[in-house]
Amino acid sequence: MHGLGNDFVVLDARAQPLALSGDTIRAIGDRRRGVGFDQLLVLEPSTKGASVFMRIYNPDGSEAGACGNGTRCVASLMLDAGPSDVTIETIAGILHAKAKDRLVSVDMGTPVFDPARIPVVNVPAPKHFQLAGFEHLGSATALSMGNPQVVFFVPQADAIDLTQVGPAIECHPAFPDRVNVSIAEITSAASIRLKVWERGAGATLACGSGACASLIAAHVQGLLGRRAEVSLPGGILSIHWADDDHVWMTGPVAVSYTGILSPQILAAA
């Protein structure tokens, strides 16, 4: 499946558990010898009364706490079965989702600015700071949307080489658990152009949690209101930071194909 080109392999382990090693995850994620994905999503039974538990893995085998576009894709699968809304449990919490006019909306929860919970170190004011060694990128905001995020606002996003700054900031000492890196450009009073380097995945066509983080960062820095259209290389997501502090993300999803993984794909693992 994919949401604006942010692509996922979804495995259904609700009826039978799957033993997935790091080698197995990396084998499936190999875009030449496996299938390839930005994230691997594994559906499991929820232990907290949600419609499903979604486990999230990066192509390098590491586990992620949140994935906005992946949540919308899984929500679409669940909503196709008939309910009008669903709840999806992740290690970061339970998310609510609904669909309207072929678009899927997910309540991504509330942003976290506590440095210890992002986590970020040696940054006493994460809402507005300059990152050591990357002062040329200007003002930054660090927060968590279930996963660590840092957003930089620049005059022209396309002028920044994401393949250079992304890996360096992802592993910057200020972020002990690594970080998703968003390079944002304010293009109007209600729109943002965005490029995202995801920890453990690299540059992606779209990043839902990064899009949410960009709108939140723009608002706390006094640059935008509480709604914006976020334009990513793969398309546009609508983000709304509601008055109750919850962040809603809306956009399209698509199923590319369904099938069974051949054991040969996993032979190397």
Protein backbone atom coordinates (compact mmCIF):
# COMPACT_ATOMS: atom_id res chain seq x y z
CA MET A 1 0.00 0.00 0.00
CA HIS A 2 1.01 3.62 -0.18
CA GLY A 3 -0.09 7.03 0.98
CA LEU A 4 1.17 9.67 -1.47
CA GLY A 5 4.04 7.35 -2.43
CA ASN A 6 5.03 6.65 1.17
CA ASP A 7 4.94 2.88 0.71
CA PHE A 8 4.30 -0.04 3.03
CA VAL A 9 4.25 -3.81 3.15
CA VAL A 10 1.35 -4.86 5.39
CA LEU A 11 1.45 -8.34 6.95
CA ASP A 12 -1.60 -9.76 8.73
CA ALA A 13 -0.57 -11.60 11.89
CA ARG A 14 -3.90 -11.40 13.70
CA ALA A 15 -4.68 -15.12 13.31
CA GLN A 16 -1.14 -16.46 13.51
CA PRO A 17 1.91 -14.77 15.08
CA LEU A 18 4.90 -13.95 12.86
CA ALA A 19 8.47 -14.33 14.06
CA LEU A 20 10.27 -11.51 12.26
CA SER A 21 14.00 -11.13 12.81
CA GLY A 22 15.92 -8.04 11.78
CA ASP A 23 17.39 -10.05 8.89
CA THR A 24 13.88 -11.04 7.72
CA ILE A 25 12.65 -7.45 7.84
CA ARG A 26 15.68 -6.22 5.89
CA ALA A 27 15.20 -9.01 3.31
CA ILE A 28 11.58 -8.00 2.67
CA GLY A 29 12.65 -4.36 2.54
CA ASP A 30 15.32 -4.93 -0.13
CA ARG A 31 13.92 -3.14 -3.21
CA ARG A 32 15.97 -5.33 -5.59
CA ARG A 33 15.75 -8.80 -4.03
CA GLY A 34 12.65 -8.44 -1.83
CA VAL A 35 9.64 -6.17 -2.05
CA GLY A 36 10.82 -2.85 -0.66
CA PHE A 37 9.07 -0.45 1.69
CA ASP A 38 9.43 2.72 3.69
CA GLN A 39 7.91 0.85 6.64
CA LEU A 40 6.76 -2.72 7.29
CA LEU A 41 3.40 -2.82 9.12
CA VAL A 42 2.40 -5.96 11.01
CA LEU A 43 -1.22 -6.32 12.14
CA GLU A 44 -1.67 -8.08 15.48
CA PRO A 45 -4.59 -8.49 17.93
CA SER A 46 -5.04 -5.50 20.22
CA THR A 47 -4.76 -6.11 23.96
CA LYS A 48 -6.41 -2.76 24.79
CA GLY A 49 -9.73 -3.04 22.99
CA ALA A 50 -8.68 -1.32 19.76
CA SER A 51 -9.69 -2.62 16.33
CA VAL A 52 -6.12 -3.80 15.69
CA PHE A 53 -2.54 -3.42 16.94
CA MET A 54 -0.10 -2.12 14.32
CA ARG A 55 3.61 -2.82 14.75
CA ILE A 56 5.95 -0.66 12.65
CA TYR A 57 9.41 -1.54 11.36
CA ASN A 58 11.91 0.51 9.35
CA PRO A 59 13.88 -0.96 6.43
CA ASP A 60 16.97 -1.23 8.65
CA GLY A 61 15.04 -3.55 11.00
CA SER A 62 14.51 -1.02 13.80
CA GLU A 63 11.05 -0.53 15.30
CA ALA A 64 9.21 2.78 15.02
CA GLY A 65 6.59 4.19 17.37
CA ALA A 66 4.41 6.03 14.86
CA CYS A 67 3.72 6.26 11.15
CA GLY A 68 0.96 8.58 10.01
CA ASN A 69 0.53 7.45 6.40
CA GLY A 70 0.88 3.82 7.47
CA THR A 71 -1.86 4.35 10.03
CA ARG A 72 -4.11 5.76 7.32
CA CYS A 73 -3.40 2.74 5.10
CA VAL A 74 -4.22 0.24 7.84
CA ALA A 75 -7.29 2.28 8.79
CA SER A 76 -8.46 2.06 5.18
CA LEU A 77 -8.17 -1.75 5.28
CA MET A 78 -10.15 -1.90 8.51
CA LEU A 79 -12.79 0.59 7.32
CA ASP A 80 -13.30 -1.42 4.12
CA ALA A 81 -14.60 -4.22 6.33
CA GLY A 82 -17.62 -2.10 7.25
CA PRO A 83 -17.21 0.05 10.39
CA SER A 84 -17.59 3.83 10.15
CA ASP A 85 -14.55 4.46 12.33
CA VAL A 86 -11.74 2.36 13.76
CA THR A 87 -9.09 2.51 16.48
CA ILE A 88 -5.49 1.46 15.87
CA GLU A 89 -3.18 0.61 18.75
CA THR A 90 0.55 1.30 18.39
CA ILE A 91 3.38 1.31 20.90
CA ALA A 92 2.89 5.10 21.02
CA GLY A 93 -0.83 4.89 21.91
CA ILE A 94 -4.27 4.36 20.36
CA LEU A 95 -5.22 6.37 17.27
CA HIS A 96 -8.72 6.99 15.90
CA ALA A 97 -9.50 7.01 12.17
CA LYS A 98 -12.43 7.67 9.86
CA ALA A 99 -13.04 7.99 6.12
CA LYS A 100 -15.00 10.43 3.98
CA ASP A 101 -15.08 11.01 0.22
CA ARG A 102 -12.33 8.40 -0.34
CA LEU A 103 -9.98 10.23 2.02
CA VAL A 104 -8.81 8.76 5.32
CA SER A 105 -8.37 10.92 8.42
CA VAL A 106 -6.36 9.87 11.47
CA ASP A 107 -6.21 11.52 14.88
CA MET A 108 -2.45 11.50 15.43
CA GLY A 109 -2.78 12.41 19.09
CA THR A 110 -1.19 15.37 20.83
CA PRO A 111 2.30 16.81 20.27
CA VAL A 112 4.92 16.42 23.01
CA PHE A 113 7.48 19.15 23.72
CA ASP A 114 9.02 17.70 26.89
CA PRO A 115 12.73 17.26 25.98
CA ALA A 116 12.98 13.99 27.93
CA ARG A 117 10.05 12.48 26.05
CA ILE A 118 11.04 13.58 22.53
CA PRO A 119 13.92 12.85 23.38
CA VAL A 120 16.33 15.74 22.78
CA VAL A 121 19.29 16.75 24.96
CA ASN A 122 21.06 20.08 25.52
CA VAL A 123 18.06 21.91 24.03
CA PRO A 124 16.22 23.63 26.92
CA ALA A 125 13.62 25.29 24.63
CA PRO A 126 12.68 22.74 21.92
CA LYS A 127 9.93 24.91 20.43
CA HIS A 128 12.43 27.41 19.05
CA PHE A 129 16.20 26.82 18.83
CA GLN A 130 19.18 26.51 16.52
CA LEU A 131 20.86 23.12 16.20
CA ALA A 132 24.60 23.13 16.78
CA GLY A 133 26.44 22.68 13.48
CA PHE A 134 23.31 23.44 11.45
CA GLU A 135 22.75 27.09 12.27
CA HIS A 136 22.61 27.81 8.53
CA LEU A 137 19.22 26.04 8.47
CA GLY A 138 17.81 28.67 10.78
CA SER A 139 15.08 28.18 13.34
CA ALA A 140 14.14 24.64 14.41
CA THR A 141 11.43 23.02 16.49
CA ALA A 142 11.76 19.61 18.12
CA LEU A 143 8.75 17.57 19.25
CA SER A 144 7.35 14.07 19.36
CA MET A 145 4.37 12.81 17.38
CA GLY A 146 4.86 9.30 18.74
CA ASN A 147 8.32 9.50 17.18
CA PRO A 148 11.01 12.19 17.45
CA GLN A 149 10.77 15.06 14.96
CA VAL A 150 12.80 18.15 14.17
CA VAL A 151 11.55 20.79 11.73
CA PHE A 152 13.64 23.53 10.09
CA PHE A 153 12.11 26.50 8.27
CA VAL A 154 14.10 27.72 5.30
CA PRO A 155 13.43 30.25 2.51
CA GLN A 156 13.55 27.56 -0.21
CA ALA A 157 13.24 23.88 0.67
CA ASP A 158 14.47 22.78 -2.75
CA ALA A 159 17.75 24.60 -2.16
CA ILE A 160 18.64 22.22 0.70
CA ASP A 161 20.30 18.90 -0.19
CA LEU A 162 18.33 16.49 1.99
CA THR A 163 20.73 13.62 1.28
CA GLN A 164 23.51 15.64 2.95
CA VAL A 165 21.82 17.21 5.96
CA GLY A 166 19.30 14.41 6.60
CA PRO A 167 21.67 11.61 7.71
CA ALA A 168 23.83 14.00 9.73
CA ILE A 169 20.89 15.48 11.67
CA GLU A 170 19.20 12.08 12.09
CA CYS A 171 22.22 10.91 14.08
CA HIS A 172 23.08 14.26 15.72
CA PRO A 173 24.15 13.93 19.41
CA ALA A 174 21.17 16.10 20.40
CA PHE A 175 18.83 13.21 19.45
CA PRO A 176 19.76 10.04 21.39
CA ASP A 177 17.06 7.95 19.64
CA ARG A 178 17.76 9.55 16.25
CA VAL A 179 15.15 11.82 14.65
CA ASN A 180 12.97 12.45 11.61
CA VAL A 181 14.26 15.55 9.80
CA SER A 182 11.82 17.93 8.06
CA ILE A 183 12.93 20.80 5.83
CA ALA A 184 9.96 23.16 5.50
CA GLU A 185 9.14 26.24 3.44
CA ILE A 186 6.13 28.46 4.16
CA THR A 187 4.50 29.03 0.75
CA SER A 188 1.30 30.86 1.78
CA ALA A 189 -0.80 31.73 4.82
CA ALA A 190 -2.08 28.14 4.92
CA SER A 191 0.43 26.00 3.03
CA ILE A 192 3.84 24.41 3.54
CA ARG A 193 6.27 22.77 1.15
CA LEU A 194 8.05 19.90 2.91
CA LYS A 195 10.87 17.39 2.43
CA VAL A 196 11.45 14.69 5.05
CA TRP A 197 14.36 12.42 5.92
CA GLU A 198 12.99 9.58 8.07
CA ARG A 199 15.18 7.88 10.63
CA GLY A 200 15.93 4.35 9.51
CA ALA A 201 14.35 4.90 6.08
CA GLY A 202 15.93 7.97 4.46
CA ALA A 203 14.22 10.36 2.07
CA THR A 204 10.57 9.49 1.44
CA LEU A 205 7.91 10.82 -0.93
CA ALA A 206 5.68 11.58 2.05
CA CYS A 207 5.78 11.41 5.85
CA GLY A 208 2.54 11.84 7.77
CA SER A 209 4.03 12.45 11.21
CA GLY A 210 6.52 14.86 9.64
CA ALA A 211 3.69 16.75 7.96
CA CYS A 212 1.92 17.04 11.32
CA ALA A 213 5.13 18.20 12.98
CA SER A 214 5.66 20.87 10.31
CA LEU A 215 2.24 22.46 10.90
CA ILE A 216 2.69 22.35 14.68
CA ALA A 217 6.17 23.87 14.44
CA ALA A 218 4.91 26.61 12.12
CA HIS A 219 2.14 27.48 14.57
CA VAL A 220 4.29 27.56 17.72
CA GLN A 221 6.79 29.77 15.89
CA GLY A 222 3.99 32.16 14.91
CA LEU A 223 4.28 31.47 11.19
CA LEU A 224 0.86 29.87 10.46
CA GLY A 225 -2.52 29.14 12.00
CA ARG A 226 -3.77 25.72 13.06
CA ARG A 227 -4.60 24.38 9.58
CA ALA A 228 -2.44 23.92 6.52
CA GLU A 229 -2.07 22.00 3.30
CA VAL A 230 1.33 20.32 3.41
CA SER A 231 2.82 19.64 -0.02
CA LEU A 232 5.27 16.73 -0.11
CA PRO A 233 7.02 15.21 -3.15
CA GLY A 234 4.27 12.56 -3.29
CA GLY A 235 1.27 14.87 -2.90
CA ILE A 236 -0.71 16.91 -0.38
CA LEU A 237 -1.84 16.15 3.17
CA SER A 238 -4.33 18.30 5.08
CA ILE A 239 -3.29 18.90 8.69
CA HIS A 240 -5.47 20.39 11.44
CA TRP A 241 -4.23 21.02 14.97
CA ALA A 242 -7.58 21.17 16.75
CA ASP A 243 -8.37 23.27 19.82
CA ASP A 244 -8.38 20.11 21.99
CA ASP A 245 -4.65 19.72 21.10
CA HIS A 246 -5.25 16.68 18.86
CA VAL A 247 -3.72 16.68 15.38
CA TRP A 248 -5.80 15.34 12.47
CA MET A 249 -4.19 14.28 9.21
CA THR A 250 -6.24 13.65 6.05
CA GLY A 251 -5.24 12.29 2.66
CA PRO A 252 -5.61 9.47 0.12
CA VAL A 253 -4.38 5.87 0.31
CA ALA A 254 -4.02 3.12 -2.29
CA VAL A 255 -3.51 -0.64 -2.48
CA SER A 256 -0.80 -1.50 -4.99
CA TYR A 257 -1.21 -5.29 -4.85
CA THR A 258 -1.95 -8.20 -2.52
CA GLY A 259 -0.38 -11.64 -2.44
CA ILE A 260 1.86 -14.12 -0.65
CA LEU A 261 5.58 -13.65 -0.04
CA SER A 262 7.66 -16.40 -1.63
CA PRO A 263 10.01 -18.23 0.74
CA GLN A 264 12.77 -17.45 -1.75
CA ILE A 265 12.56 -13.79 -0.78
CA LEU A 266 13.51 -14.75 2.76
CA ALA A 267 16.19 -17.27 1.80
CA ALA A 268 18.99 -14.79 2.48
CA ALA A 269 17.62 -14.21 6.00
